[in-house]
Amino acid sequence: MIVWQRHDLINLSPSVWQKLIKNQKSQAVRNALYFWQNRALPLMCRRRSSEDRADLVPVCIAFPPSWKVTRLRLQIDPDDIENIVMPPALQQIAHRLPSAQQEQAWTISTLIKAETGLTPRLFGSVLWQGISGLPYLRDTSDLDLLWIMPDWSRHAVFDLVARLIVVEKQLSCSLDGEIVLPDGRAVHWREIAKESPVADLLVKTAANVCLMSQEAFFSHTSSLI
């Protein structure tokens, strides 16, 4: 059984790529997928929609904004997945970011890692540019980062958010991103930073987006809607 979370990356074998490309009606889509296959680039797991089959893994690719095809949503048979990995750490591919963001990346990685022990991982445009080397970002683009928590500690999450507020003030770009708990439920870090401790959080899971109390969010026995 394949276990996956939003933003995980999957790789396909050459034969599966051939089948996937053959099933596309658009030549522009086929060309984009040929390029992706030839570079051995991954697909990213996405949230399941009402149109998706329950027995397939929902995935997507975001292509560079300058391409004819900019986004593709697909479904993959679990048996066709060669491997599945977490998104890469920011430090691994910071050198592929625009120069304006490289300095920001090192600042974030160094300060947060030193103070919390957490490693920021990538999603969004910064992920796609980081793994492909293709141009997605501008000098003014936000940094989209994932903070994957090792446990359910509310204290650790609030400590991380407090440090992100401080670190962002040292950056020239906006710091976007999600805090992800062990079961995959995720929330934008600014949701936690709200002044009201009783405010509901906008929580994202592999199957839904819903409002959830902070108490429910931090409870590992709480149902994922």
C-alpha atoms as a PDB file:
ATOM      1  CA  MET A   1       0.000   0.000   0.000  1.00  0.00           C
ATOM      2  CA  ILE A   2       1.338   3.412  -1.007  1.00  0.00           C
ATOM      3  CA  VAL A   3       1.307   5.991   1.788  1.00  0.00           C
ATOM      4  CA  TRP A   4       1.513   9.572   0.569  1.00  0.00           C
ATOM      5  CA  GLN A   5       0.961  13.130   1.736  1.00  0.00           C
ATOM      6  CA  ARG A   6       0.394  16.389  -0.096  1.00  0.00           C
ATOM      7  CA  HIS A   7       3.607  17.720  -1.647  1.00  0.00           C
ATOM      8  CA  ASP A   8       5.342  14.331  -1.659  1.00  0.00           C
ATOM      9  CA  LEU A   9       7.226  13.652  -4.905  1.00  0.00           C
ATOM     10  CA  ILE A  10       6.802  10.485  -6.961  1.00  0.00           C
ATOM     11  CA  ASN A  11       8.889   8.986  -9.739  1.00  0.00           C
ATOM     12  CA  LEU A  12       7.709   6.753 -12.570  1.00  0.00           C
ATOM     13  CA  SER A  13       9.422   4.067 -14.609  1.00  0.00           C
ATOM     14  CA  PRO A  14      10.055   4.691 -18.347  1.00  0.00           C
ATOM     15  CA  SER A  15       7.259   2.317 -19.352  1.00  0.00           C
ATOM     16  CA  VAL A  16       4.733   4.150 -17.168  1.00  0.00           C
ATOM     17  CA  TRP A  17       5.853   7.489 -18.607  1.00  0.00           C
ATOM     18  CA  GLN A  18       5.285   6.112 -22.121  1.00  0.00           C
ATOM     19  CA  LYS A  19       1.762   5.040 -21.227  1.00  0.00           C
ATOM     20  CA  LEU A  20       1.016   8.348 -19.522  1.00  0.00           C
ATOM     21  CA  ILE A  21       2.219  10.382 -22.509  1.00  0.00           C
ATOM     22  CA  LYS A  22       0.369   8.212 -25.007  1.00  0.00           C
ATOM     23  CA  ASN A  23      -2.939   8.843 -23.189  1.00  0.00           C
ATOM     24  CA  GLN A  24      -2.699  12.638 -23.573  1.00  0.00           C
ATOM     25  CA  LYS A  25      -4.758  14.181 -26.385  1.00  0.00           C
ATOM     26  CA  SER A  26      -2.919  17.511 -26.527  1.00  0.00           C
ATOM     27  CA  GLN A  27       0.406  17.675 -28.363  1.00  0.00           C
ATOM     28  CA  ALA A  28       1.486  20.525 -26.085  1.00  0.00           C
ATOM     29  CA  VAL A  29       0.881  18.307 -23.047  1.00  0.00           C
ATOM     30  CA  ARG A  30       2.728  15.400 -24.648  1.00  0.00           C
ATOM     31  CA  ASN A  31       5.698  17.647 -25.425  1.00  0.00           C
ATOM     32  CA  ALA A  32       5.778  18.920 -21.845  1.00  0.00           C
ATOM     33  CA  LEU A  33       5.651  15.385 -20.455  1.00  0.00           C
ATOM     34  CA  TYR A  34       8.379  14.208 -22.853  1.00  0.00           C
ATOM     35  CA  PHE A  35      10.595  16.985 -21.488  1.00  0.00           C
ATOM     36  CA  TRP A  36       9.763  16.002 -17.892  1.00  0.00           C
ATOM     37  CA  GLN A  37      10.498  12.344 -18.560  1.00  0.00           C
ATOM     38  CA  ASN A  38      13.802  13.062 -20.307  1.00  0.00           C
ATOM     39  CA  ARG A  39      14.954  15.106 -17.310  1.00  0.00           C
ATOM     40  CA  ALA A  40      13.797  12.341 -14.903  1.00  0.00           C
ATOM     41  CA  LEU A  41      11.745  14.918 -12.993  1.00  0.00           C
ATOM     42  CA  PRO A  42       9.097  13.913 -10.439  1.00  0.00           C
ATOM     43  CA  LEU A  43       5.382  14.564 -10.089  1.00  0.00           C
ATOM     44  CA  MET A  44       3.897  16.006  -6.896  1.00  0.00           C
ATOM     45  CA  CYS A  45       1.065  14.534  -4.838  1.00  0.00           C
ATOM     46  CA  ARG A  46      -1.875  16.908  -4.520  1.00  0.00           C
ATOM     47  CA  ARG A  47      -5.120  17.068  -2.575  1.00  0.00           C
ATOM     48  CA  ARG A  48      -7.751  14.634  -3.799  1.00  0.00           C
ATOM     49  CA  SER A  49     -10.744  16.267  -5.513  1.00  0.00           C
ATOM     50  CA  SER A  50     -14.307  15.010  -5.913  1.00  0.00           C
ATOM     51  CA  GLU A  51     -13.507  14.003  -9.514  1.00  0.00           C
ATOM     52  CA  ASP A  52     -10.571  11.794  -8.516  1.00  0.00           C
ATOM     53  CA  ARG A  53     -10.852   8.037  -8.161  1.00  0.00           C
ATOM     54  CA  ALA A  54     -10.280   6.715  -4.655  1.00  0.00           C
ATOM     55  CA  ASP A  55      -7.975   3.933  -5.854  1.00  0.00           C
ATOM     56  CA  LEU A  56      -5.576   6.256  -7.693  1.00  0.00           C
ATOM     57  CA  VAL A  57      -2.996   8.736  -6.395  1.00  0.00           C
ATOM     58  CA  PRO A  58      -3.765  12.363  -7.382  1.00  0.00           C
ATOM     59  CA  VAL A  59      -0.670  14.148  -8.689  1.00  0.00           C
ATOM     60  CA  CYS A  60       0.242  17.308 -10.562  1.00  0.00           C
ATOM     61  CA  ILE A  61       3.035  19.061 -12.394  1.00  0.00           C
ATOM     62  CA  ALA A  62       3.439  22.834 -12.523  1.00  0.00           C
ATOM     63  CA  PHE A  63       5.374  23.811 -15.642  1.00  0.00           C
ATOM     64  CA  PRO A  64       7.181  27.157 -16.061  1.00  0.00           C
ATOM     65  CA  PRO A  65       4.822  30.154 -16.536  1.00  0.00           C
ATOM     66  CA  SER A  66       6.236  30.782 -20.028  1.00  0.00           C
ATOM     67  CA  TRP A  67       5.186  27.348 -21.359  1.00  0.00           C
ATOM     68  CA  LYS A  68       1.997  26.706 -23.343  1.00  0.00           C
ATOM     69  CA  VAL A  69       0.923  24.257 -20.661  1.00  0.00           C
ATOM     70  CA  THR A  70       1.427  25.584 -17.141  1.00  0.00           C
ATOM     71  CA  ARG A  71      -0.299  23.019 -14.921  1.00  0.00           C
ATOM     72  CA  LEU A  72      -1.353  19.416 -15.308  1.00  0.00           C
ATOM     73  CA  ARG A  73      -3.463  17.300 -12.944  1.00  0.00           C
ATOM     74  CA  LEU A  74      -3.191  13.529 -13.274  1.00  0.00           C
ATOM     75  CA  GLN A  75      -4.055  10.321 -11.428  1.00  0.00           C
ATOM     76  CA  ILE A  76      -1.560   7.492 -11.079  1.00  0.00           C
ATOM     77  CA  ASP A  77      -2.099   3.821 -10.279  1.00  0.00           C
ATOM     78  CA  PRO A  78      -0.204   3.072  -7.030  1.00  0.00           C
ATOM     79  CA  ASP A  79       1.377   0.049  -8.727  1.00  0.00           C
ATOM     80  CA  ASP A  80       2.926   2.381 -11.322  1.00  0.00           C
ATOM     81  CA  ILE A  81       4.806   4.444  -8.747  1.00  0.00           C
ATOM     82  CA  GLU A  82       8.507   3.623  -8.664  1.00  0.00           C
ATOM     83  CA  ASN A  83       9.208   5.516  -5.450  1.00  0.00           C
ATOM     84  CA  ILE A  84       7.891   8.314  -3.304  1.00  0.00           C
ATOM     85  CA  VAL A  85       9.981  10.839  -1.377  1.00  0.00           C
ATOM     86  CA  MET A  86       9.543  13.898   0.774  1.00  0.00           C
ATOM     87  CA  PRO A  87      10.068  17.333  -0.810  1.00  0.00           C
ATOM     88  CA  PRO A  88      13.736  18.340  -0.802  1.00  0.00           C
ATOM     89  CA  ALA A  89      15.259  20.460   1.935  1.00  0.00           C
ATOM     90  CA  LEU A  90      15.804  24.125   1.137  1.00  0.00           C
ATOM     91  CA  GLN A  91      19.573  23.853   1.646  1.00  0.00           C
ATOM     92  CA  GLN A  92      19.838  21.043  -0.918  1.00  0.00           C
ATOM     93  CA  ILE A  93      18.828  23.190  -3.862  1.00  0.00           C
ATOM     94  CA  ALA A  94      19.176  26.796  -2.710  1.00  0.00           C
ATOM     95  CA  HIS A  95      21.893  27.217  -5.364  1.00  0.00           C
ATOM     96  CA  ARG A  96      19.238  26.869  -8.086  1.00  0.00           C
ATOM     97  CA  LEU A  97      17.225  29.831  -6.842  1.00  0.00           C
ATOM     98  CA  PRO A  98      17.593  33.394  -8.166  1.00  0.00           C
ATOM     99  CA  SER A  99      20.428  35.248  -6.465  1.00  0.00           C
ATOM    100  CA  ALA A 100      17.962  37.446  -4.564  1.00  0.00           C
ATOM    101  CA  GLN A 101      16.412  34.357  -2.967  1.00  0.00           C
ATOM    102  CA  GLN A 102      19.613  32.424  -2.341  1.00  0.00           C
ATOM    103  CA  GLU A 103      20.665  34.763   0.446  1.00  0.00           C
ATOM    104  CA  GLN A 104      17.178  34.598   1.975  1.00  0.00           C
ATOM    105  CA  ALA A 105      17.275  30.801   1.787  1.00  0.00           C
ATOM    106  CA  TRP A 106      20.547  30.555   3.680  1.00  0.00           C
ATOM    107  CA  THR A 107      19.312  33.006   6.304  1.00  0.00           C
ATOM    108  CA  ILE A 108      16.155  30.961   6.919  1.00  0.00           C
ATOM    109  CA  SER A 109      17.895  27.589   6.892  1.00  0.00           C
ATOM    110  CA  THR A 110      20.696  28.675   9.194  1.00  0.00           C
ATOM    111  CA  LEU A 111      18.643  30.538  11.780  1.00  0.00           C
ATOM    112  CA  ILE A 112      15.660  28.197  12.011  1.00  0.00           C
ATOM    113  CA  LYS A 113      17.755  25.030  11.943  1.00  0.00           C
ATOM    114  CA  ALA A 114      20.011  26.363  14.674  1.00  0.00           C
ATOM    115  CA  GLU A 115      17.157  27.472  16.924  1.00  0.00           C
ATOM    116  CA  THR A 116      14.561  24.714  16.379  1.00  0.00           C
ATOM    117  CA  GLY A 117      16.377  21.816  14.738  1.00  0.00           C
ATOM    118  CA  LEU A 118      13.768  21.836  11.958  1.00  0.00           C
ATOM    119  CA  THR A 119      14.694  21.654   8.278  1.00  0.00           C
ATOM    120  CA  PRO A 120      12.577  23.754   5.882  1.00  0.00           C
ATOM    121  CA  ARG A 121      11.371  21.830   2.834  1.00  0.00           C
ATOM    122  CA  LEU A 122      10.034  23.168  -0.446  1.00  0.00           C
ATOM    123  CA  PHE A 123       6.734  23.402  -2.279  1.00  0.00           C
ATOM    124  CA  GLY A 124       5.152  25.740  -4.810  1.00  0.00           C
ATOM    125  CA  SER A 125       7.194  27.589  -7.419  1.00  0.00           C
ATOM    126  CA  VAL A 126      10.361  27.433  -5.327  1.00  0.00           C
ATOM    127  CA  LEU A 127      10.104  23.634  -5.374  1.00  0.00           C
ATOM    128  CA  TRP A 128       9.604  23.409  -9.127  1.00  0.00           C
ATOM    129  CA  GLN A 129      12.500  25.736  -9.890  1.00  0.00           C
ATOM    130  CA  GLY A 130      14.680  23.988  -7.343  1.00  0.00           C
ATOM    131  CA  ILE A 131      14.200  20.496  -8.775  1.00  0.00           C
ATOM    132  CA  SER A 132      14.108  21.441 -12.461  1.00  0.00           C
ATOM    133  CA  GLY A 133      16.447  24.426 -12.753  1.00  0.00           C
ATOM    134  CA  LEU A 134      13.817  26.074 -14.971  1.00  0.00           C
ATOM    135  CA  PRO A 135      12.663  29.684 -14.438  1.00  0.00           C
ATOM    136  CA  TYR A 136       9.586  29.946 -12.208  1.00  0.00           C
ATOM    137  CA  LEU A 137      10.583  32.688  -9.778  1.00  0.00           C
ATOM    138  CA  ARG A 138      11.104  36.425  -9.935  1.00  0.00           C
ATOM    139  CA  ASP A 139      13.320  38.395  -7.575  1.00  0.00           C
ATOM    140  CA  THR A 140      10.161  39.465  -5.706  1.00  0.00           C
ATOM    141  CA  SER A 141       8.620  35.980  -5.453  1.00  0.00           C
ATOM    142  CA  ASP A 142       7.649  34.609  -2.040  1.00  0.00           C
ATOM    143  CA  LEU A 143       9.486  31.652  -0.555  1.00  0.00           C
ATOM    144  CA  ASP A 144       7.112  28.686  -0.148  1.00  0.00           C
ATOM    145  CA  LEU A 145       8.353  26.410   2.621  1.00  0.00           C
ATOM    146  CA  LEU A 146       7.074  23.373   4.500  1.00  0.00           C
ATOM    147  CA  TRP A 147       7.828  22.850   8.167  1.00  0.00           C
ATOM    148  CA  ILE A 148       7.245  19.154   8.846  1.00  0.00           C
ATOM    149  CA  MET A 149       6.865  18.573  12.558  1.00  0.00           C
ATOM    150  CA  PRO A 150       8.280  15.370  14.096  1.00  0.00           C
ATOM    151  CA  ASP A 151       5.477  15.112  16.681  1.00  0.00           C
ATOM    152  CA  TRP A 152       2.285  16.746  17.943  1.00  0.00           C
ATOM    153  CA  SER A 153       3.922  19.258  20.269  1.00  0.00           C
ATOM    154  CA  ARG A 154       1.874  22.443  20.405  1.00  0.00           C
ATOM    155  CA  HIS A 155       4.779  24.177  22.153  1.00  0.00           C
ATOM    156  CA  ALA A 156       7.163  23.319  19.282  1.00  0.00           C
ATOM    157  CA  VAL A 157       4.735  24.731  16.693  1.00  0.00           C
ATOM    158  CA  PHE A 158       4.211  27.990  18.570  1.00  0.00           C
ATOM    159  CA  ASP A 159       7.956  28.296  19.143  1.00  0.00           C
ATOM    160  CA  LEU A 160       8.556  27.841  15.404  1.00  0.00           C
ATOM    161  CA  VAL A 161       5.940  30.463  14.511  1.00  0.00           C
ATOM    162  CA  ALA A 162       7.457  32.973  16.950  1.00  0.00           C
ATOM    163  CA  ARG A 163      10.852  32.483  15.306  1.00  0.00           C
ATOM    164  CA  LEU A 164       9.403  32.753  11.784  1.00  0.00           C
ATOM    165  CA  ILE A 165       7.889  36.129  12.687  1.00  0.00           C
ATOM    166  CA  VAL A 166      11.334  37.354  13.774  1.00  0.00           C
ATOM    167  CA  VAL A 167      13.203  35.857  10.816  1.00  0.00           C
ATOM    168  CA  GLU A 168      10.782  37.237   8.226  1.00  0.00           C
ATOM    169  CA  LYS A 169      11.600  40.764   9.368  1.00  0.00           C
ATOM    170  CA  GLN A 170      15.186  40.128   8.255  1.00  0.00           C
ATOM    171  CA  LEU A 171      14.130  39.094   4.747  1.00  0.00           C
ATOM    172  CA  SER A 172      13.435  41.160   1.659  1.00  0.00           C
ATOM    173  CA  CYS A 173      10.733  38.722   0.504  1.00  0.00           C
ATOM    174  CA  SER A 174       7.568  37.359   2.080  1.00  0.00           C
ATOM    175  CA  LEU A 175       7.812  34.005   3.846  1.00  0.00           C
ATOM    176  CA  ASP A 176       4.952  31.724   2.816  1.00  0.00           C
ATOM    177  CA  GLY A 177       4.431  28.182   3.915  1.00  0.00           C
ATOM    178  CA  GLU A 178       2.688  25.465   5.869  1.00  0.00           C
ATOM    179  CA  ILE A 179       3.270  23.703   9.153  1.00  0.00           C
ATOM    180  CA  VAL A 180       2.594  19.989   8.677  1.00  0.00           C
ATOM    181  CA  LEU A 181       1.755  17.577  11.501  1.00  0.00           C
ATOM    182  CA  PRO A 182       2.713  13.866  11.391  1.00  0.00           C
ATOM    183  CA  ASP A 183      -0.607  12.743   9.899  1.00  0.00           C
ATOM    184  CA  GLY A 184      -0.376  15.281   7.064  1.00  0.00           C
ATOM    185  CA  ARG A 185      -2.809  17.922   8.272  1.00  0.00           C
ATOM    186  CA  ALA A 186      -1.342  21.311   7.485  1.00  0.00           C
ATOM    187  CA  VAL A 187      -1.956  24.969   8.240  1.00  0.00           C
ATOM    188  CA  HIS A 188      -0.362  28.174   7.006  1.00  0.00           C
ATOM    189  CA  TRP A 189       2.002  29.412   9.687  1.00  0.00           C
ATOM    190  CA  ARG A 190       0.237  32.796   9.746  1.00  0.00           C
ATOM    191  CA  GLU A 191      -2.951  31.034  10.873  1.00  0.00           C
ATOM    192  CA  ILE A 192      -1.106  30.012  14.048  1.00  0.00           C
ATOM    193  CA  ALA A 193       0.256  33.551  14.377  1.00  0.00           C
ATOM    194  CA  LYS A 194      -3.252  35.045  14.703  1.00  0.00           C
ATOM    195  CA  GLU A 195      -3.701  37.116  17.817  1.00  0.00           C
ATOM    196  CA  SER A 196      -6.767  35.155  18.947  1.00  0.00           C
ATOM    197  CA  PRO A 197      -5.829  31.768  20.443  1.00  0.00           C
ATOM    198  CA  VAL A 198      -9.450  30.586  20.070  1.00  0.00           C
ATOM    199  CA  ALA A 199      -9.751  31.353  16.342  1.00  0.00           C
ATOM    200  CA  ASP A 200     -10.407  28.381  14.091  1.00  0.00           C
ATOM    201  CA  LEU A 201      -7.649  27.354  11.711  1.00  0.00           C
ATOM    202  CA  LEU A 202      -7.966  26.758   7.971  1.00  0.00           C
ATOM    203  CA  VAL A 203      -6.587  23.227   7.797  1.00  0.00           C
ATOM    204  CA  LYS A 204      -5.573  21.345   4.650  1.00  0.00           C
ATOM    205  CA  THR A 205      -5.472  17.570   4.411  1.00  0.00           C
ATOM    206  CA  ALA A 206      -4.949  15.092   1.589  1.00  0.00           C
ATOM    207  CA  ALA A 207      -8.708  15.017   1.034  1.00  0.00           C
ATOM    208  CA  ASN A 208     -10.172  18.327   2.132  1.00  0.00           C
ATOM    209  CA  VAL A 209      -9.871  21.898   3.368  1.00  0.00           C
ATOM    210  CA  CYS A 210     -11.783  22.647   6.553  1.00  0.00           C
ATOM    211  CA  LEU A 211     -11.997  24.893   9.580  1.00  0.00           C
ATOM    212  CA  MET A 212     -10.734  23.271  12.755  1.00  0.00           C
ATOM    213  CA  SER A 213     -10.220  24.480  16.292  1.00  0.00           C
ATOM    214  CA  GLN A 214      -6.657  24.669  17.568  1.00  0.00           C
ATOM    215  CA  GLU A 215      -7.518  21.983  20.089  1.00  0.00           C
ATOM    216  CA  ALA A 216      -8.668  19.616  17.339  1.00  0.00           C
ATOM    217  CA  PHE A 217      -5.721  20.475  15.098  1.00  0.00           C
ATOM    218  CA  PHE A 218      -3.184  19.470  17.729  1.00  0.00           C
ATOM    219  CA  SER A 219      -5.049  16.330  18.772  1.00  0.00           C
ATOM    220  CA  HIS A 220      -3.743  13.235  17.003  1.00  0.00           C
ATOM    221  CA  THR A 221      -7.047  11.487  17.812  1.00  0.00           C
ATOM    222  CA  SER A 222      -9.063  14.143  15.988  1.00  0.00           C
ATOM    223  CA  SER A 223     -10.740  12.967  12.802  1.00  0.00           C
ATOM    224  CA  LEU A 224      -9.377  14.213   9.486  1.00  0.00           C
ATOM    225  CA  ILE A 225     -12.464  15.472   7.701  1.00  0.00           C
END
